[in-house]
Amino acid sequence: MGMPFTIVINLEDFSGTIVLAAESVGEQLQWMEMLQDSGKVTWKNCQLGEAMIESLEAQGLQLAKEKQEYLDKLMEETEELSHQRAQRE
């Protein structure tokens, strides 16, 4: 690349090459530290996180549906009790 402070990254599960160009040794070291610190972030972890989010969203929708069903049933029962009370009075 013609730049003396270049980091080239090749990954098995990523087609292509990632090139990070730094303007100085210090900036290159900062890139390397950040990459080492972020080593726990992988494509598989991202996919797992996405799957977990989708599952939680689906569970949330199901719970909201069940909640609405319970509220509807409660309203029906309340109306029925109110109607029975009015008839007794």
C-alpha atoms as a PDB file:
ATOM      1  CA  MET A   1       0.000   0.000   0.000  1.00  0.00           C
ATOM      2  CA  GLY A   2       3.043   2.241   0.218  1.00  0.00           C
ATOM      3  CA  MET A   3       2.352   3.154   3.836  1.00  0.00           C
ATOM      4  CA  PRO A   4       4.885   2.084   6.462  1.00  0.00           C
ATOM      5  CA  PHE A   5       2.328   1.619   9.266  1.00  0.00           C
ATOM      6  CA  THR A   6      -0.202  -0.743   7.710  1.00  0.00           C
ATOM      7  CA  ILE A   7      -1.995  -3.657   9.327  1.00  0.00           C
ATOM      8  CA  VAL A   8      -3.418  -6.309   6.981  1.00  0.00           C
ATOM      9  CA  ILE A   9      -6.048  -8.706   8.306  1.00  0.00           C
ATOM     10  CA  ASN A  10      -7.077 -11.941   6.602  1.00  0.00           C
ATOM     11  CA  LEU A  11      -9.792 -14.074   8.214  1.00  0.00           C
ATOM     12  CA  GLU A  12     -10.969 -17.573   7.399  1.00  0.00           C
ATOM     13  CA  ASP A  13     -14.684 -16.760   7.650  1.00  0.00           C
ATOM     14  CA  PHE A  14     -14.427 -13.452   5.771  1.00  0.00           C
ATOM     15  CA  SER A  15     -13.677 -13.237   2.089  1.00  0.00           C
ATOM     16  CA  GLY A  16     -11.410 -10.358   1.294  1.00  0.00           C
ATOM     17  CA  THR A  17      -8.700  -8.447   3.084  1.00  0.00           C
ATOM     18  CA  ILE A  18      -9.052  -5.729   5.689  1.00  0.00           C
ATOM     19  CA  VAL A  19      -6.345  -3.073   5.542  1.00  0.00           C
ATOM     20  CA  LEU A  20      -5.850  -0.555   8.327  1.00  0.00           C
ATOM     21  CA  ALA A  21      -3.463   2.254   7.540  1.00  0.00           C
ATOM     22  CA  ALA A  22      -1.973   4.337  10.312  1.00  0.00           C
ATOM     23  CA  GLU A  23      -0.066   7.578  10.064  1.00  0.00           C
ATOM     24  CA  SER A  24       2.374   6.691  12.841  1.00  0.00           C
ATOM     25  CA  VAL A  25       3.684   3.839  14.964  1.00  0.00           C
ATOM     26  CA  GLY A  26       1.604   5.143  17.873  1.00  0.00           C
ATOM     27  CA  GLU A  27      -1.595   5.038  15.831  1.00  0.00           C
ATOM     28  CA  GLN A  28      -0.711   1.552  14.579  1.00  0.00           C
ATOM     29  CA  LEU A  29      -0.245   0.379  18.173  1.00  0.00           C
ATOM     30  CA  GLN A  30      -3.620   1.883  19.106  1.00  0.00           C
ATOM     31  CA  TRP A  31      -5.268  -0.080  16.271  1.00  0.00           C
ATOM     32  CA  MET A  32      -3.586  -3.269  17.440  1.00  0.00           C
ATOM     33  CA  GLU A  33      -4.667  -2.708  21.059  1.00  0.00           C
ATOM     34  CA  MET A  34      -8.246  -2.066  19.992  1.00  0.00           C
ATOM     35  CA  LEU A  35      -8.245  -5.203  17.877  1.00  0.00           C
ATOM     36  CA  GLN A  36      -6.890  -7.272  20.753  1.00  0.00           C
ATOM     37  CA  ASP A  37      -9.483  -5.800  23.136  1.00  0.00           C
ATOM     38  CA  SER A  38     -12.294  -6.558  20.696  1.00  0.00           C
ATOM     39  CA  GLY A  39     -11.159 -10.145  20.100  1.00  0.00           C
ATOM     40  CA  LYS A  40     -14.261 -11.476  21.829  1.00  0.00           C
ATOM     41  CA  VAL A  41     -16.474  -9.979  19.130  1.00  0.00           C
ATOM     42  CA  THR A  42     -16.830 -12.593  16.424  1.00  0.00           C
ATOM     43  CA  TRP A  43     -19.252 -13.164  13.580  1.00  0.00           C
ATOM     44  CA  LYS A  44     -20.652 -16.219  15.382  1.00  0.00           C
ATOM     45  CA  ASN A  45     -21.213 -14.169  18.550  1.00  0.00           C
ATOM     46  CA  CYS A  46     -22.993 -11.507  16.511  1.00  0.00           C
ATOM     47  CA  GLN A  47     -25.220 -14.134  14.933  1.00  0.00           C
ATOM     48  CA  LEU A  48     -25.943 -15.627  18.350  1.00  0.00           C
ATOM     49  CA  GLY A  49     -26.799 -12.174  19.704  1.00  0.00           C
ATOM     50  CA  GLU A  50     -29.117 -11.533  16.763  1.00  0.00           C
ATOM     51  CA  ALA A  51     -30.859 -14.881  17.309  1.00  0.00           C
ATOM     52  CA  MET A  52     -31.291 -14.075  20.995  1.00  0.00           C
ATOM     53  CA  ILE A  53     -32.794 -10.687  20.169  1.00  0.00           C
ATOM     54  CA  GLU A  54     -35.226 -12.240  17.691  1.00  0.00           C
ATOM     55  CA  SER A  55     -36.230 -14.864  20.258  1.00  0.00           C
ATOM     56  CA  LEU A  56     -36.793 -12.235  22.944  1.00  0.00           C
ATOM     57  CA  GLU A  57     -38.843 -10.113  20.551  1.00  0.00           C
ATOM     58  CA  ALA A  58     -40.998 -13.132  19.681  1.00  0.00           C
ATOM     59  CA  GLN A  59     -41.463 -13.906  23.379  1.00  0.00           C
ATOM     60  CA  GLY A  60     -42.387 -10.284  24.023  1.00  0.00           C
ATOM     61  CA  LEU A  61     -45.010 -10.375  21.278  1.00  0.00           C
ATOM     62  CA  GLN A  62     -46.432 -13.629  22.656  1.00  0.00           C
ATOM     63  CA  LEU A  63     -46.597 -12.196  26.171  1.00  0.00           C
ATOM     64  CA  ALA A  64     -48.292  -9.042  24.887  1.00  0.00           C
ATOM     65  CA  LYS A  65     -50.855 -11.189  23.070  1.00  0.00           C
ATOM     66  CA  GLU A  66     -51.515 -13.264  26.194  1.00  0.00           C
ATOM     67  CA  LYS A  67     -51.789 -10.111  28.299  1.00  0.00           C
ATOM     68  CA  GLN A  68     -54.380  -8.676  25.912  1.00  0.00           C
ATOM     69  CA  GLU A  69     -56.340 -11.939  26.005  1.00  0.00           C
ATOM     70  CA  TYR A  70     -56.375 -11.849  29.830  1.00  0.00           C
ATOM     71  CA  LEU A  71     -57.427  -8.197  29.820  1.00  0.00           C
ATOM     72  CA  ASP A  72     -60.231  -8.944  27.356  1.00  0.00           C
ATOM     73  CA  LYS A  73     -61.419 -11.844  29.508  1.00  0.00           C
ATOM     74  CA  LEU A  74     -61.240  -9.693  32.632  1.00  0.00           C
ATOM     75  CA  MET A  75     -63.305  -6.964  30.945  1.00  0.00           C
ATOM     76  CA  GLU A  76     -65.922  -9.535  29.890  1.00  0.00           C
ATOM     77  CA  GLU A  77     -66.120 -10.904  33.429  1.00  0.00           C
ATOM     78  CA  THR A  78     -66.320  -7.379  34.868  1.00  0.00           C
ATOM     79  CA  GLU A  79     -69.144  -6.491  32.500  1.00  0.00           C
ATOM     80  CA  GLU A  80     -70.978  -9.718  33.368  1.00  0.00           C
ATOM     81  CA  LEU A  81     -70.635  -9.075  37.105  1.00  0.00           C
ATOM     82  CA  SER A  82     -71.762  -5.494  36.624  1.00  0.00           C
ATOM     83  CA  HIS A  83     -74.762  -6.704  34.644  1.00  0.00           C
ATOM     84  CA  GLN A  84     -75.626  -9.274  37.355  1.00  0.00           C
ATOM     85  CA  ARG A  85     -75.335  -6.623  40.055  1.00  0.00           C
ATOM     86  CA  ALA A  86     -77.617  -4.264  38.133  1.00  0.00           C
ATOM     87  CA  GLN A  87     -80.209  -7.031  37.783  1.00  0.00           C
ATOM     88  CA  ARG A  88     -80.153  -7.711  41.560  1.00  0.00           C
ATOM     89  CA  GLU A  89     -80.646  -4.046  42.349  1.00  0.00           C
END
